Amino acid sequence: MESIGVPFSYIAAASANQDSQVVKAAPGRLRGLSLHNVAATLRYVKIYDKATAPTSADTPAMRFPLTADGGGMAREYGAGIPFGAGIAVRIAAGIADNDATAVTAGDVVVNIEYA
């Protein structure tokens, strides 16, 4: 079986406002993702078209709400969704783009495949 992309994995680290990571610091394609929330409340994973770590001042390209207590999702995007600057991710407790509420360490697992 052929891999659909380069793997990236991150576990929430409880970093206030900046629980964010650069997945790819150059143009690329989001090929697939799986997200999982073990917290007792909703959590949000936000994907950005950025080559640097996003903050609450940035606007996400994609937003994924994860339901409480084991909520998650997995998607494959075939040829991929193009990101012109880079691919970055941020995890927050609130849905608002400017939400800076930190999640608890270990609340969310993010797995992304990109090219």
Protein backbone atom coordinates (compact mmCIF):
# COMPACT_ATOMS: atom_id res chain seq x y z
CA MET A 1 0.00 0.00 0.00
CA GLU A 2 1.34 3.43 -0.96
CA SER A 3 1.55 6.19 1.67
CA ILE A 4 -0.58 9.23 0.90
CA GLY A 5 1.95 11.68 2.32
CA VAL A 6 4.60 12.58 4.84
CA PRO A 7 3.40 11.94 8.42
CA PHE A 8 3.21 14.61 11.14
CA SER A 9 1.93 13.97 14.67
CA TYR A 10 1.36 16.30 17.62
CA ILE A 11 -0.16 15.95 21.10
CA ALA A 12 -1.57 19.07 22.76
CA ALA A 13 0.99 20.53 25.16
CA ALA A 14 -1.14 23.06 27.12
CA SER A 15 0.65 26.08 25.68
CA ALA A 16 -1.56 29.11 26.31
CA ASN A 17 -2.64 30.73 23.02
CA GLN A 18 0.24 29.18 21.13
CA ASP A 19 -0.46 25.42 21.21
CA SER A 20 0.61 25.55 17.60
CA GLN A 21 3.02 23.80 15.29
CA VAL A 22 4.42 24.21 11.81
CA VAL A 23 3.67 21.08 9.79
CA LYS A 24 5.44 22.23 6.63
CA ALA A 25 7.28 25.56 6.33
CA ALA A 26 6.85 25.76 2.54
CA PRO A 27 3.99 25.41 0.05
CA GLY A 28 2.40 21.99 0.20
CA ARG A 29 -0.74 19.89 0.07
CA LEU A 30 -2.79 18.59 2.97
CA ARG A 31 -3.38 14.96 1.98
CA GLY A 32 -5.17 13.62 5.06
CA LEU A 33 -5.69 14.03 8.77
CA SER A 34 -7.03 12.32 11.85
CA LEU A 35 -7.94 14.21 15.00
CA HIS A 36 -8.95 12.88 18.42
CA ASN A 37 -10.20 14.65 21.58
CA VAL A 38 -10.14 12.95 25.00
CA ALA A 39 -11.24 16.04 26.97
CA ALA A 40 -14.64 16.31 28.67
CA THR A 41 -15.43 19.42 26.58
CA LEU A 42 -15.25 20.48 22.94
CA ARG A 43 -11.83 21.24 21.45
CA TYR A 44 -10.98 22.89 18.14
CA VAL A 45 -8.18 22.13 15.68
CA LYS A 46 -7.46 24.95 13.25
CA ILE A 47 -5.35 24.56 10.11
CA TYR A 48 -3.49 27.58 8.69
CA ASP A 49 -1.86 28.50 5.39
CA LYS A 50 1.35 29.69 7.11
CA ALA A 51 5.04 28.85 7.14
CA THR A 52 5.33 29.94 10.79
CA ALA A 53 3.51 28.91 13.97
CA PRO A 54 0.03 30.48 14.05
CA THR A 55 -1.35 32.54 16.91
CA SER A 56 -4.82 33.72 17.88
CA ALA A 57 -4.21 36.80 15.67
CA ASP A 58 -4.23 34.61 12.53
CA THR A 59 -7.22 33.41 10.51
CA PRO A 60 -7.43 29.65 9.93
CA ALA A 61 -8.04 28.15 6.51
CA MET A 62 -9.92 25.22 8.08
CA ARG A 63 -11.61 24.62 11.45
CA PHE A 64 -12.49 21.26 12.99
CA PRO A 65 -14.63 20.99 16.15
CA LEU A 66 -14.00 17.79 18.09
CA THR A 67 -16.76 16.57 20.38
CA ALA A 68 -16.05 15.69 24.00
CA ASP A 69 -14.94 12.38 25.46
CA GLY A 70 -13.42 10.62 22.49
CA GLY A 71 -14.71 12.72 19.63
CA GLY A 72 -12.65 12.63 16.51
CA MET A 73 -12.55 12.46 12.78
CA ALA A 74 -10.41 11.22 9.91
CA ARG A 75 -10.29 12.44 6.31
CA GLU A 76 -8.28 11.79 3.19
CA TYR A 77 -8.06 14.47 0.52
CA GLY A 78 -6.78 12.49 -2.47
CA ALA A 79 -4.44 14.76 -4.43
CA GLY A 80 -4.54 17.15 -1.49
CA ILE A 81 -5.70 20.65 -0.61
CA PRO A 82 -3.07 23.22 -1.69
CA PHE A 83 -1.53 25.57 0.86
CA GLY A 84 0.51 28.37 -0.74
CA ALA A 85 2.70 29.49 2.19
CA GLY A 86 2.92 26.39 4.35
CA ILE A 87 0.82 24.17 6.61
CA ALA A 88 0.44 24.93 10.31
CA VAL A 89 -1.92 23.82 13.05
CA ARG A 90 -3.23 25.28 16.32
CA ILE A 91 -5.39 23.72 19.04
CA ALA A 92 -7.75 25.85 21.14
CA ALA A 93 -10.58 25.39 23.62
CA GLY A 94 -12.81 27.94 21.86
CA ILE A 95 -14.19 28.24 18.35
CA ALA A 96 -13.43 31.93 17.78
CA ASP A 97 -10.45 32.55 15.52
CA ASN A 98 -8.94 34.78 18.21
CA ASP A 99 -9.56 32.31 21.06
CA ALA A 100 -6.42 31.93 23.17
CA THR A 101 -7.78 29.49 25.76
CA ALA A 102 -5.22 26.74 26.30
CA VAL A 103 -6.28 23.12 26.30
CA THR A 104 -4.96 20.63 28.84
CA ALA A 105 -1.84 18.69 27.91
CA GLY A 106 -2.82 15.46 26.17
CA ASP A 107 -6.38 16.58 25.33
CA VAL A 108 -6.00 16.40 21.55
CA VAL A 109 -3.96 14.26 19.18
CA VAL A 110 -3.36 15.62 15.67
CA ASN A 111 -2.08 13.40 12.84
CA ILE A 112 -1.57 15.03 9.44
CA GLU A 113 -0.27 13.68 6.16
CA TYR A 114 1.07 16.18 3.66
CA ALA A 115 3.09 16.48 0.48
